[in-house]
Structure formats: structure tokens, C-alpha cells
PDB file of N, CA and C in Angstrom:
ATOM      1  N   MET A   1      77.789  66.963 127.189  1.00  0.00           N
ATOM      2  CA  MET A   1      78.702  66.820 126.040  1.00  0.00           C
ATOM      3  C   MET A   1      79.627  66.022 127.231  1.00  0.00           C
ATOM      4  N   THR A   2      80.206  64.870 126.044  1.00  0.00           N
ATOM      5  CA  THR A   2      81.457  63.605 126.746  1.00  0.00           C
ATOM      6  C   THR A   2      83.067  64.630 126.125  1.00  0.00           C
ATOM      7  N   LYS A   3      83.765  64.463 127.456  1.00  0.00           N
ATOM      8  CA  LYS A   3      84.836  64.907 127.050  1.00  0.00           C
ATOM      9  C   LYS A   3      86.054  63.994 126.951  1.00  0.00           C
ATOM     10  N   ILE A   4      85.933  63.577 125.499  1.00  0.00           N
ATOM     11  CA  ILE A   4      87.102  62.468 125.359  1.00  0.00           C
ATOM     12  C   ILE A   4      88.488  63.073 126.052  1.00  0.00           C
ATOM     13  N   SER A   5      89.805  62.009 126.430  1.00  0.00           N
ATOM     14  CA  SER A   5      90.903  62.418 127.194  1.00  0.00           C
ATOM     15  C   SER A   5      91.299  62.711 126.081  1.00  0.00           C
ATOM     16  N   SER A   6      92.863  62.779 126.219  1.00  0.00           N
ATOM     17  CA  SER A   6      93.718  63.034 125.088  1.00  0.00           C
ATOM     18  C   SER A   6      94.362  61.519 124.634  1.00  0.00           C
ATOM     19  N   TYR A   7      94.674  60.732 126.032  1.00  0.00           N
ATOM     20  CA  TYR A   7      94.795  59.422 125.828  1.00  0.00           C
ATOM     21  C   TYR A   7      93.947  58.648 124.545  1.00  0.00           C
ATOM     22  N   LYS A   8      92.688  59.014 124.222  1.00  0.00           N
ATOM     23  CA  LYS A   8      91.718  58.260 124.379  1.00  0.00           C
ATOM     24  C   LYS A   8      91.758  58.542 122.428  1.00  0.00           C
ATOM     25  N   LYS A   9      91.938  60.094 122.334  1.00  0.00           N
ATOM     26  CA  LYS A   9      91.818  60.979 121.320  1.00  0.00           C
ATOM     27  C   LYS A   9      93.202  60.145 120.180  1.00  0.00           C
ATOM     28  N   ILE A  10      94.064  60.276 120.715  1.00  0.00           N
ATOM     29  CA  ILE A  10      95.226  59.844 120.195  1.00  0.00           C
ATOM     30  C   ILE A  10      95.036  58.320 119.698  1.00  0.00           C
ATOM     31  N   SER A  11      94.674  57.180 120.690  1.00  0.00           N
ATOM     32  CA  SER A  11      94.220  56.102 120.566  1.00  0.00           C
ATOM     33  C   SER A  11      93.392  55.788 118.921  1.00  0.00           C
ATOM     34  N   LEU A  12      92.114  57.184 118.855  1.00  0.00           N
ATOM     35  CA  LEU A  12      91.018  56.550 118.068  1.00  0.00           C
ATOM     36  C   LEU A  12      91.771  57.207 116.831  1.00  0.00           C
ATOM     37  N   LEU A  13      92.635  58.315 117.125  1.00  0.00           N
ATOM     38  CA  LEU A  13      93.081  58.671 115.290  1.00  0.00           C
ATOM     39  C   LEU A  13      94.189  57.736 115.210  1.00  0.00           C
ATOM     40  N   ALA A  14      95.038  57.036 115.860  1.00  0.00           N
ATOM     41  CA  ALA A  14      96.158  55.819 115.528  1.00  0.00           C
ATOM     42  C   ALA A  14      94.879  54.744 114.632  1.00  0.00           C
ATOM     43  N   ALA A  15      93.861  54.507 115.373  1.00  0.00           N
ATOM     44  CA  ALA A  15      93.093  52.916 114.806  1.00  0.00           C
ATOM     45  C   ALA A  15      92.756  53.650 113.273  1.00  0.00           C
ATOM     46  N   ALA A  16      91.875  55.033 113.375  1.00  0.00           N
ATOM     47  CA  ALA A  16      91.436  55.354 112.176  1.00  0.00           C
ATOM     48  C   ALA A  16      92.744  55.723 111.313  1.00  0.00           C
ATOM     49  N   MET A  17      93.864  56.142 111.270  1.00  0.00           N
ATOM     50  CA  MET A  17      95.014  56.050 110.592  1.00  0.00           C
ATOM     51  C   MET A  17      95.306  55.051 110.214  1.00  0.00           C
ATOM     52  N   LEU A  18      95.883  53.278 111.136  1.00  0.00           N
ATOM     53  CA  LEU A  18      95.629  52.389 110.770  1.00  0.00           C
ATOM     54  C   LEU A  18      94.491  51.268 110.232  1.00  0.00           C
ATOM     55  N   GLY A  19      93.065  52.005 110.302  1.00  0.00           N
ATOM     56  CA  GLY A  19      92.388  51.261 108.924  1.00  0.00           C
ATOM     57  C   GLY A  19      92.172  52.050 107.527  1.00  0.00           C
ATOM     58  N   VAL A  20      92.655  53.614 107.872  1.00  0.00           N
ATOM     59  CA  VAL A  20      93.160  53.627 106.607  1.00  0.00           C
ATOM     60  C   VAL A  20      94.166  53.235 105.575  1.00  0.00           C
ATOM     61  N   ALA A  21      95.202  53.068 106.329  1.00  0.00           N
ATOM     62  CA  ALA A  21      96.190  52.512 106.006  1.00  0.00           C
ATOM     63  C   ALA A  21      95.839  51.021 105.761  1.00  0.00           C
ATOM     64  N   LEU A  22      95.089  50.680 106.473  1.00  0.00           N
ATOM     65  CA  LEU A  22      95.113  48.877 105.577  1.00  0.00           C
ATOM     66  C   LEU A  22      94.227  49.034 104.914  1.00  0.00           C
ATOM     67  N   LEU A  23      93.594  50.095 104.335  1.00  0.00           N
ATOM     68  CA  LEU A  23      92.084  49.808 103.474  1.00  0.00           C
ATOM     69  C   LEU A  23      92.834  50.336 102.260  1.00  0.00           C
ATOM     70  N   GLY A  24      93.893  51.338 102.019  1.00  0.00           N
ATOM     71  CA  GLY A  24      95.046  51.614 101.109  1.00  0.00           C
ATOM     72  C   GLY A  24      95.142  50.611 100.451  1.00  0.00           C
ATOM     73  N   GLY A  25      95.498  49.353 101.055  1.00  0.00           N
ATOM     74  CA  GLY A  25      96.343  48.681 100.700  1.00  0.00           C
ATOM     75  C   GLY A  25      95.499  47.169 100.978  1.00  0.00           C
ATOM     76  N   CYS A  26      93.836  47.065 100.453  1.00  0.00           N
ATOM     77  CA  CYS A  26      93.183  46.246 100.396  1.00  0.00           C
ATOM     78  C   CYS A  26      93.114  45.213 101.342  1.00  0.00           C
ATOM     79  N   ALA A  27      92.746  45.521 102.644  1.00  0.00           N
ATOM     80  CA  ALA A  27      93.600  44.930 103.916  1.00  0.00           C
ATOM     81  C   ALA A  27      92.137  43.751 103.984  1.00  0.00           C
ATOM     82  N   THR A  28      92.122  42.618 104.481  1.00  0.00           N
ATOM     83  CA  THR A  28      91.303  41.691 105.102  1.00  0.00           C
ATOM     84  C   THR A  28      90.625  42.364 105.940  1.00  0.00           C
ATOM     85  N   THR A  29      89.406  41.797 106.036  1.00  0.00           N
ATOM     86  CA  THR A  29      88.880  41.267 107.289  1.00  0.00           C
ATOM     87  C   THR A  29      89.282  41.279 108.650  1.00  0.00           C
ATOM     88  N   ASP A  30      89.728  40.435 108.564  1.00  0.00           N
ATOM     89  CA  ASP A  30      90.585  39.730 109.431  1.00  0.00           C
ATOM     90  C   ASP A  30      91.344  41.159 110.045  1.00  0.00           C
ATOM     91  N   GLU A  31      92.479  41.231 109.298  1.00  0.00           N
ATOM     92  CA  GLU A  31      93.438  42.149 109.440  1.00  0.00           C
ATOM     93  C   GLU A  31      92.663  43.849 110.357  1.00  0.00           C
ATOM     94  N   MET A  32      91.145  43.894 109.546  1.00  0.00           N
ATOM     95  CA  MET A  32      90.465  44.841 109.855  1.00  0.00           C
ATOM     96  C   MET A  32      90.564  44.936 111.731  1.00  0.00           C
ATOM     97  N   ASN A  33      89.741  43.532 111.532  1.00  0.00           N
ATOM     98  CA  ASN A  33      89.202  43.045 113.043  1.00  0.00           C
ATOM     99  C   ASN A  33      90.519  43.344 113.916  1.00  0.00           C
ATOM    100  N   LYS A  34      91.611  42.519 113.683  1.00  0.00           N
ATOM    101  CA  LYS A  34      92.288  42.895 114.473  1.00  0.00           C
ATOM    102  C   LYS A  34      92.914  44.132 115.237  1.00  0.00           C
ATOM    103  N   ALA A  35      92.926  45.305 113.736  1.00  0.00           N
ATOM    104  CA  ALA A  35      92.931  46.780 114.183  1.00  0.00           C
ATOM    105  C   ALA A  35      92.113  47.485 115.218  1.00  0.00           C
ATOM    106  N   GLN A  36      90.862  46.842 114.827  1.00  0.00           N
ATOM    107  CA  GLN A  36      89.937  47.489 115.551  1.00  0.00           C
ATOM    108  C   GLN A  36      90.184  46.939 117.103  1.00  0.00           C
ATOM    109  N   SER A  37      90.612  45.684 117.202  1.00  0.00           N
ATOM    110  CA  SER A  37      91.074  44.620 118.487  1.00  0.00           C
ATOM    111  C   SER A  37      92.467  45.859 119.183  1.00  0.00           C
ATOM    112  N   SER A  38      92.892  46.091 118.193  1.00  0.00           N
ATOM    113  CA  SER A  38      94.066  46.774 119.237  1.00  0.00           C
ATOM    114  C   SER A  38      93.629  48.138 119.263  1.00  0.00           C
ATOM    115  N   ALA A  39      92.339  49.074 118.669  1.00  0.00           N
ATOM    116  CA  ALA A  39      92.082  50.389 118.778  1.00  0.00           C
ATOM    117  C   ALA A  39      91.349  49.873 119.985  1.00  0.00           C
ATOM    118  N   ASP A  40      90.891  49.208 120.499  1.00  0.00           N
ATOM    119  CA  ASP A  40      89.636  48.995 121.725  1.00  0.00           C
ATOM    120  C   ASP A  40      90.604  48.911 123.030  1.00  0.00           C
ATOM    121  N   GLN A  41      91.425  47.853 122.659  1.00  0.00           N
ATOM    122  CA  GLN A  41      92.405  47.807 123.354  1.00  0.00           C
ATOM    123  C   GLN A  41      93.556  49.340 124.071  1.00  0.00           C
ATOM    124  N   ALA A  42      93.540  49.803 123.316  1.00  0.00           N
ATOM    125  CA  ALA A  42      93.678  51.028 123.433  1.00  0.00           C
ATOM    126  C   ALA A  42      93.422  52.106 124.418  1.00  0.00           C
ATOM    127  N   ALA A  43      92.131  52.256 123.385  1.00  0.00           N
ATOM    128  CA  ALA A  43      91.104  52.825 124.158  1.00  0.00           C
ATOM    129  C   ALA A  43      91.039  52.133 125.593  1.00  0.00           C
ATOM    130  N   GLN A  44      90.599  51.013 126.067  1.00  0.00           N
ATOM    131  CA  GLN A  44      90.158  50.744 127.319  1.00  0.00           C
ATOM    132  C   GLN A  44      91.496  51.104 128.024  1.00  0.00           C
ATOM    133  N   LYS A  45      92.934  51.152 127.981  1.00  0.00           N
ATOM    134  CA  LYS A  45      93.981  51.291 128.302  1.00  0.00           C
ATOM    135  C   LYS A  45      93.847  52.560 129.194  1.00  0.00           C
ATOM    136  N   ALA A  46      93.181  53.687 127.694  1.00  0.00           N
ATOM    137  CA  ALA A  46      93.431  54.788 127.973  1.00  0.00           C
ATOM    138  C   ALA A  46      92.270  55.306 128.925  1.00  0.00           C
ATOM    139  N   ASP A  47      91.206  54.323 128.939  1.00  0.00           N
ATOM    140  CA  ASP A  47      89.857  54.899 129.801  1.00  0.00           C
ATOM    141  C   ASP A  47      91.128  54.558 131.188  1.00  0.00           C
ATOM    142  N   GLN A  48      91.532  53.539 131.367  1.00  0.00           N
ATOM    143  CA  GLN A  48      91.640  53.208 132.871  1.00  0.00           C
ATOM    144  C   GLN A  48      93.232  53.838 132.853  1.00  0.00           C
ATOM    145  N   ALA A  49      93.785  54.483 132.551  1.00  0.00           N
ATOM    146  CA  ALA A  49      94.874  55.449 132.875  1.00  0.00           C
ATOM    147  C   ALA A  49      93.717  56.702 133.384  1.00  0.00           C
ATOM    148  N   ASN A  50      93.246  57.241 132.492  1.00  0.00           N
ATOM    149  CA  ASN A  50      92.298  58.622 133.031  1.00  0.00           C
ATOM    150  C   ASN A  50      91.891  58.050 134.918  1.00  0.00           C
ATOM    151  N   ALA A  51      91.156  57.006 134.575  1.00  0.00           N
ATOM    152  CA  ALA A  51      90.536  56.743 136.201  1.00  0.00           C
ATOM    153  C   ALA A  51      91.465  56.959 137.018  1.00  0.00           C
ATOM    154  N   ALA A  52      92.495  56.074 136.389  1.00  0.00           N
ATOM    155  CA  ALA A  52      94.298  56.177 137.828  1.00  0.00           C
ATOM    156  C   ALA A  52      93.926  57.482 138.062  1.00  0.00           C
ATOM    157  N   ALA A  53      94.407  58.331 136.702  1.00  0.00           N
ATOM    158  CA  ALA A  53      95.019  59.888 137.265  1.00  0.00           C
ATOM    159  C   ALA A  53      93.414  60.339 138.025  1.00  0.00           C
ATOM    160  N   ALA A  54      92.408  60.139 137.292  1.00  0.00           N
ATOM    161  CA  ALA A  54      91.318  61.013 138.275  1.00  0.00           C
ATOM    162  C   ALA A  54      91.265  60.604 139.826  1.00  0.00           C
ATOM    163  N   ALA A  55      91.325  59.194 140.315  1.00  0.00           N
ATOM    164  CA  ALA A  55      91.655  58.493 141.513  1.00  0.00           C
ATOM    165  C   ALA A  55      92.686  59.473 142.637  1.00  0.00           C
ATOM    166  N   ALA A  56      94.235  59.827 141.256  1.00  0.00           N
ATOM    167  CA  ALA A  56      95.396  60.545 141.818  1.00  0.00           C
ATOM    168  C   ALA A  56      94.785  61.785 142.489  1.00  0.00           C
ATOM    169  N   LYS A  57      93.929  62.065 141.445  1.00  0.00           N
ATOM    170  CA  LYS A  57      93.877  63.779 141.489  1.00  0.00           C
ATOM    171  C   LYS A  57      93.000  64.015 142.815  1.00  0.00           C
ATOM    172  N   THR A  58      91.873  63.177 143.136  1.00  0.00           N
ATOM    173  CA  THR A  58      91.181  63.013 144.150  1.00  0.00           C
ATOM    174  C   THR A  58      91.800  62.567 145.768  1.00  0.00           C
ATOM    175  N   GLU A  59      92.754  61.811 145.450  1.00  0.00           N
ATOM    176  CA  GLU A  59      93.790  61.334 146.712  1.00  0.00           C
ATOM    177  C   GLU A  59      94.705  62.846 146.865  1.00  0.00           C
ATOM    178  N   ALA A  60      95.162  63.696 145.562  1.00  0.00           N
ATOM    179  CA  ALA A  60      95.807  64.832 146.325  1.00  0.00           C
ATOM    180  C   ALA A  60      94.600  65.663 146.827  1.00  0.00           C
ATOM    181  N   ASP A  61      93.892  66.173 146.820  1.00  0.00           N
ATOM    182  CA  ASP A  61      92.993  66.935 146.744  1.00  0.00           C
ATOM    183  C   ASP A  61      92.472  66.689 148.098  1.00  0.00           C
ATOM    184  N   GLN A  62      92.466  65.437 148.744  1.00  0.00           N
ATOM    185  CA  GLN A  62      92.399  65.140 150.221  1.00  0.00           C
ATOM    186  C   GLN A  62      92.900  65.844 150.895  1.00  0.00           C
ATOM    187  N   ALA A  63      95.042  65.142 150.245  1.00  0.00           N
ATOM    188  CA  ALA A  63      95.705  65.570 150.812  1.00  0.00           C
ATOM    189  C   ALA A  63      96.153  66.779 150.892  1.00  0.00           C
ATOM    190  N   ALA A  64      95.686  67.762 150.098  1.00  0.00           N
ATOM    191  CA  ALA A  64      95.761  69.680 150.113  1.00  0.00           C
ATOM    192  C   ALA A  64      94.776  69.681 151.255  1.00  0.00           C
ATOM    193  N   GLN A  65      93.693  69.535 151.449  1.00  0.00           N
ATOM    194  CA  GLN A  65      92.369  69.729 152.614  1.00  0.00           C
ATOM    195  C   GLN A  65      93.069  69.141 154.061  1.00  0.00           C
ATOM    196  N   LYS A  66      93.306  68.316 153.947  1.00  0.00           N
ATOM    197  CA  LYS A  66      93.889  67.810 155.010  1.00  0.00           C
ATOM    198  C   LYS A  66      95.350  68.590 155.645  1.00  0.00           C
ATOM    199  N   ALA A  67      95.846  69.086 154.641  1.00  0.00           N
ATOM    200  CA  ALA A  67      96.861  70.163 154.863  1.00  0.00           C
ATOM    201  C   ALA A  67      96.263  71.242 155.194  1.00  0.00           C
ATOM    202  N   ASP A  68      95.536  72.042 154.828  1.00  0.00           N
ATOM    203  CA  ASP A  68      94.908  73.455 154.933  1.00  0.00           C
ATOM    204  C   ASP A  68      94.673  73.171 156.529  1.00  0.00           C
ATOM    205  N   GLN A  69      94.022  72.303 156.502  1.00  0.00           N
ATOM    206  CA  GLN A  69      93.218  71.641 158.079  1.00  0.00           C
ATOM    207  C   GLN A  69      94.362  71.583 159.189  1.00  0.00           C
ATOM    208  N   ALA A  70      95.807  71.474 158.615  1.00  0.00           N
ATOM    209  CA  ALA A  70      96.562  71.070 159.711  1.00  0.00           C
ATOM    210  C   ALA A  70      97.497  72.759 160.246  1.00  0.00           C
ATOM    211  N   ASN A  71      97.121  73.516 159.174  1.00  0.00           N
ATOM    212  CA  ASN A  71      97.755  75.017 158.774  1.00  0.00           C
ATOM    213  C   ASN A  71      96.682  75.653 159.801  1.00  0.00           C
ATOM    214  N   THR A  72      95.791  75.343 159.071  1.00  0.00           N
ATOM    215  CA  THR A  72      94.889  76.075 160.315  1.00  0.00           C
ATOM    216  C   THR A  72      94.777  75.565 162.094  1.00  0.00           C
ATOM    217  N   THR A  73      94.657  74.561 162.341  1.00  0.00           N
ATOM    218  CA  THR A  73      94.973  73.878 163.436  1.00  0.00           C
ATOM    219  C   THR A  73      96.369  74.554 164.351  1.00  0.00           C
ATOM    220  N   ALA A  74      97.744  74.500 163.421  1.00  0.00           N
ATOM    221  CA  ALA A  74      98.993  75.439 163.528  1.00  0.00           C
ATOM    222  C   ALA A  74      98.782  76.424 163.888  1.00  0.00           C
ATOM    223  N   ASP A  75      97.887  77.035 163.011  1.00  0.00           N
ATOM    224  CA  ASP A  75      97.847  78.938 163.566  1.00  0.00           C
ATOM    225  C   ASP A  75      96.462  79.216 164.874  1.00  0.00           C
ATOM    226  N   GLN A  76      96.171  78.164 164.873  1.00  0.00           N
ATOM    227  CA  GLN A  76      95.516  77.936 166.368  1.00  0.00           C
ATOM    228  C   GLN A  76      96.107  77.721 167.787  1.00  0.00           C
ATOM    229  N   ALA A  77      96.871  76.877 167.602  1.00  0.00           N
ATOM    230  CA  ALA A  77      97.933  76.671 168.078  1.00  0.00           C
ATOM    231  C   ALA A  77      98.432  77.882 168.703  1.00  0.00           C
ATOM    232  N   LYS A  78      99.709  78.530 167.443  1.00  0.00           N
ATOM    233  CA  LYS A  78     100.154  79.535 167.809  1.00  0.00           C
ATOM    234  C   LYS A  78      99.603  80.852 168.308  1.00  0.00           C
ATOM    235  N   SER A  79      98.423  80.819 168.361  1.00  0.00           N
ATOM    236  CA  SER A  79      97.634  82.081 168.712  1.00  0.00           C
ATOM    237  C   SER A  79      98.006  82.049 169.572  1.00  0.00           C
ATOM    238  N   THR A  80      97.217  81.010 170.450  1.00  0.00           N
ATOM    239  CA  THR A  80      96.656  80.237 171.789  1.00  0.00           C
ATOM    240  C   THR A  80      98.084  80.120 172.635  1.00  0.00           C
ATOM    241  N   ALA A  81      99.594  80.066 171.874  1.00  0.00           N
ATOM    242  CA  ALA A  81     100.762  79.785 172.696  1.00  0.00           C
ATOM    243  C   ALA A  81     100.796  81.471 173.197  1.00  0.00           C
ATOM    244  N   ASP A  82     100.873  82.009 171.720  1.00  0.00           N
ATOM    245  CA  ASP A  82     101.144  83.808 171.600  1.00  0.00           C
ATOM    246  C   ASP A  82     100.462  84.441 173.338  1.00  0.00           C
ATOM    247  N   SER A  83      98.842  83.820 172.812  1.00  0.00           N
ATOM    248  CA  SER A  83      97.847  84.364 174.133  1.00  0.00           C
ATOM    249  C   SER A  83      98.534  84.391 175.603  1.00  0.00           C
ATOM    250  N   ALA A  84      99.291  83.093 175.885  1.00  0.00           N
ATOM    251  CA  ALA A  84      99.335  82.315 177.017  1.00  0.00           C
ATOM    252  C   ALA A  84     100.602  83.091 177.361  1.00  0.00           C
ATOM    253  N   LYS A  85     101.862  82.951 176.414  1.00  0.00           N
ATOM    254  CA  LYS A  85     103.536  83.739 176.322  1.00  0.00           C
ATOM    255  C   LYS A  85     102.832  85.638 177.194  1.00  0.00           C
ATOM    256  N   ALA A  86     101.794  85.981 176.658  1.00  0.00           N
ATOM    257  CA  ALA A  86     101.641  87.185 176.967  1.00  0.00           C
ATOM    258  C   ALA A  86     100.936  87.508 178.546  1.00  0.00           C
ATOM    259  N   GLU A  87     100.178  86.509 178.761  1.00  0.00           N
ATOM    260  CA  GLU A  87      99.757  86.455 180.256  1.00  0.00           C
ATOM    261  C   GLU A  87     100.982  86.307 180.854  1.00  0.00           C
ATOM    262  N   ALA A  88     102.000  85.156 180.534  1.00  0.00           N
ATOM    263  CA  ALA A  88     103.155  85.050 181.373  1.00  0.00           C
ATOM    264  C   ALA A  88     103.481  86.352 181.710  1.00  0.00           C
ATOM    265  N   ASP A  89     103.568  86.670 180.601  1.00  0.00           N
ATOM    266  CA  ASP A  89     104.836  88.591 180.555  1.00  0.00           C
ATOM    267  C   ASP A  89     104.537  88.693 181.706  1.00  0.00           C
ATOM    268  N   LYS A  90     103.209  89.128 181.246  1.00  0.00           N
ATOM    269  CA  LYS A  90     102.791  90.425 182.240  1.00  0.00           C
ATOM    270  C   LYS A  90     102.936  89.602 183.585  1.00  0.00           C
ATOM    271  N   ALA A  91     102.442  88.342 183.947  1.00  0.00           N
ATOM    272  CA  ALA A  91     102.546  87.695 185.569  1.00  0.00           C
ATOM    273  C   ALA A  91     103.825  88.264 186.061  1.00  0.00           C
ATOM    274  N   MET A  92     104.993  88.640 185.152  1.00  0.00           N
ATOM    275  CA  MET A  92     106.392  87.948 185.797  1.00  0.00           C
ATOM    276  C   MET A  92     106.230  89.796 185.697  1.00  0.00           C
ATOM    277  N   GLN A  93     106.097  90.278 184.754  1.00  0.00           N
ATOM    278  CA  GLN A  93     105.841  91.702 185.075  1.00  0.00           C
ATOM    279  C   GLN A  93     105.133  92.487 186.699  1.00  0.00           C
ATOM    280  N   GLU A  94     104.239  91.894 186.876  1.00  0.00           N
ATOM    281  CA  GLU A  94     103.592  91.749 188.150  1.00  0.00           C
ATOM    282  C   GLU A  94     104.642  91.308 189.391  1.00  0.00           C
ATOM    283  N   VAL A  95     104.673  90.407 189.072  1.00  0.00           N
ATOM    284  CA  VAL A  95     105.765  89.644 190.187  1.00  0.00           C
ATOM    285  C   VAL A  95     106.932  90.452 190.457  1.00  0.00           C
ATOM    286  N   ASP A  96     107.404  90.801 189.648  1.00  0.00           N
ATOM    287  CA  ASP A  96     108.913  91.968 189.665  1.00  0.00           C
ATOM    288  C   ASP A  96     108.649  93.119 190.182  1.00  0.00           C
ATOM    289  N   ALA A  97     107.405  93.670 190.107  1.00  0.00           N
ATOM    290  CA  ALA A  97     106.744  94.814 190.697  1.00  0.00           C
ATOM    291  C   ALA A  97     106.482  94.591 192.207  1.00  0.00           C
ATOM    292  N   LEU A  98     105.703  93.225 192.318  1.00  0.00           N
ATOM    293  CA  LEU A  98     105.765  93.260 193.333  1.00  0.00           C
ATOM    294  C   LEU A  98     107.274  92.635 194.247  1.00  0.00           C
ATOM    295  N   ALA A  99     108.486  92.153 193.529  1.00  0.00           N
ATOM    296  CA  ALA A  99     109.133  92.340 194.608  1.00  0.00           C
ATOM    297  C   ALA A  99     110.049  93.042 194.975  1.00  0.00           C
ATOM    298  N   GLU A 100     109.659  94.253 194.140  1.00  0.00           N
ATOM    299  CA  GLU A 100     110.680  95.630 193.964  1.00  0.00           C
ATOM    300  C   GLU A 100     109.738  96.204 195.583  1.00  0.00           C
ATOM    301  N   LYS A 101     108.502  96.336 195.514  1.00  0.00           N
ATOM    302  CA  LYS A 101     107.853  96.443 196.592  1.00  0.00           C
ATOM    303  C   LYS A 101     108.169  96.248 197.587  1.00  0.00           C
ATOM    304  N   ILE A 102     108.402  94.832 197.647  1.00  0.00           N
ATOM    305  CA  ILE A 102     108.860  94.387 199.068  1.00  0.00           C
ATOM    306  C   ILE A 102     110.191  94.276 199.703  1.00  0.00           C
ATOM    307  N   ASP A 103     110.643  94.772 198.643  1.00  0.00           N
ATOM    308  CA  ASP A 103     112.439  95.036 198.747  1.00  0.00           C
ATOM    309  C   ASP A 103     112.227  96.292 199.096  1.00  0.00           C
ATOM    310  N   ARG A 104     111.569  97.387 198.742  1.00  0.00           N
ATOM    311  CA  ARG A 104     111.397  98.756 199.559  1.00  0.00           C
ATOM    312  C   ARG A 104     110.910  98.843 201.148  1.00  0.00           C
ATOM    313  N   MET A 105     110.091  97.939 201.283  1.00  0.00           N
ATOM    314  CA  MET A 105     109.542  98.243 202.169  1.00  0.00           C
ATOM    315  C   MET A 105     110.609  97.350 203.419  1.00  0.00           C
ATOM    316  N   PHE A 106     110.898  96.402 202.751  1.00  0.00           N
ATOM    317  CA  PHE A 106     111.903  95.937 203.872  1.00  0.00           C
ATOM    318  C   PHE A 106     113.013  96.774 204.008  1.00  0.00           C
ATOM    319  N   LYS A 107     113.634  97.512 202.922  1.00  0.00           N
ATOM    320  CA  LYS A 107     114.746  98.260 203.236  1.00  0.00           C
ATOM    321  C   LYS A 107     114.293  99.907 204.195  1.00  0.00           C
ATOM    322  N   LYS A 108     113.009  99.977 204.655  1.00  0.00           N
ATOM    323  CA  LYS A 108     112.166 100.659 205.612  1.00  0.00           C
ATOM    324  C   LYS A 108     112.211 100.486 206.333  1.00  0.00           C
ATOM    325  N   THR A 109     111.927  98.843 206.450  1.00  0.00           N
ATOM    326  CA  THR A 109     111.560  98.918 207.662  1.00  0.00           C
ATOM    327  C   THR A 109     113.170  98.146 208.308  1.00  0.00           C
ATOM    328  N   MET A 110     114.029  97.930 208.169  1.00  0.00           N
ATOM    329  CA  MET A 110     116.065  97.628 208.418  1.00  0.00           C
ATOM    330  C   MET A 110     116.046  99.349 208.820  1.00  0.00           C
ATOM    331  N   GLN A 111     115.538 100.030 208.209  1.00  0.00           N
ATOM    332  CA  GLN A 111     116.114 101.570 208.634  1.00  0.00           C
ATOM    333  C   GLN A 111     115.804 102.111 209.842  1.00  0.00           C
ATOM    334  N   LYS A 112     114.631 102.048 210.287  1.00  0.00           N
ATOM    335  CA  LYS A 112     113.875 102.164 211.964  1.00  0.00           C
ATOM    336  C   LYS A 112     114.403 101.770 212.531  1.00  0.00           C
TER     337      LYS A 112
END
């Protein structure tokens, strides 16, 4: 089943109404050909608009996919940074504990 766009529906409806109006006024073959030509041009422009819209949607979908990938990469980088910070904090605690131990040992040696 072929999906007809709203642009195409509107242009076909306009062509049909124009045809009925021309027939009601005893239109000539030339007038009918002009009306058909106008309707064909409108349908062609509607098809071009549909193609442009489809291309824009494809580009938008690709941009959204790239944004999702960038978010995933950013989340991974944040996770790595958080892990590195946790390890650095742990190392600093160990350094502080060793510094206290050295201070206590130094004070004991000074008292003797």
C-alpha cells in the first residue's frame, strides 16, 4: 500500500476541484491540459518536499544517534574519572596514615 503524503493529497484535491470547476464552465481541452499540468507540477513539488523532509529526518536520526554515542562516551569517562578520584582519595588516606605513623615514631625517638 502506497502512503500518499498530505502535500500530494492537497494538490490532487486542488486539481480535482479545478477540473470540476472547469468542466462546470465548459472548459476547453487546452484549459484542462493546463490544469493537469499545474496539478502535475504541484504533485512533483510535493514529492520533492517529501524527499527533502525524509532526508532531513534521516540526518536528524543520525545526529540523535551520534548524540547518544557521545552521552555514552561521556558517562564512561565520568565513571573512569570517579574511579580514579576514589583511588586517589584512598592513596591520600594511606599517605596521611603513614605521615602520622612517621610523626609518632619521630616523637618517640626524640623522647629517648
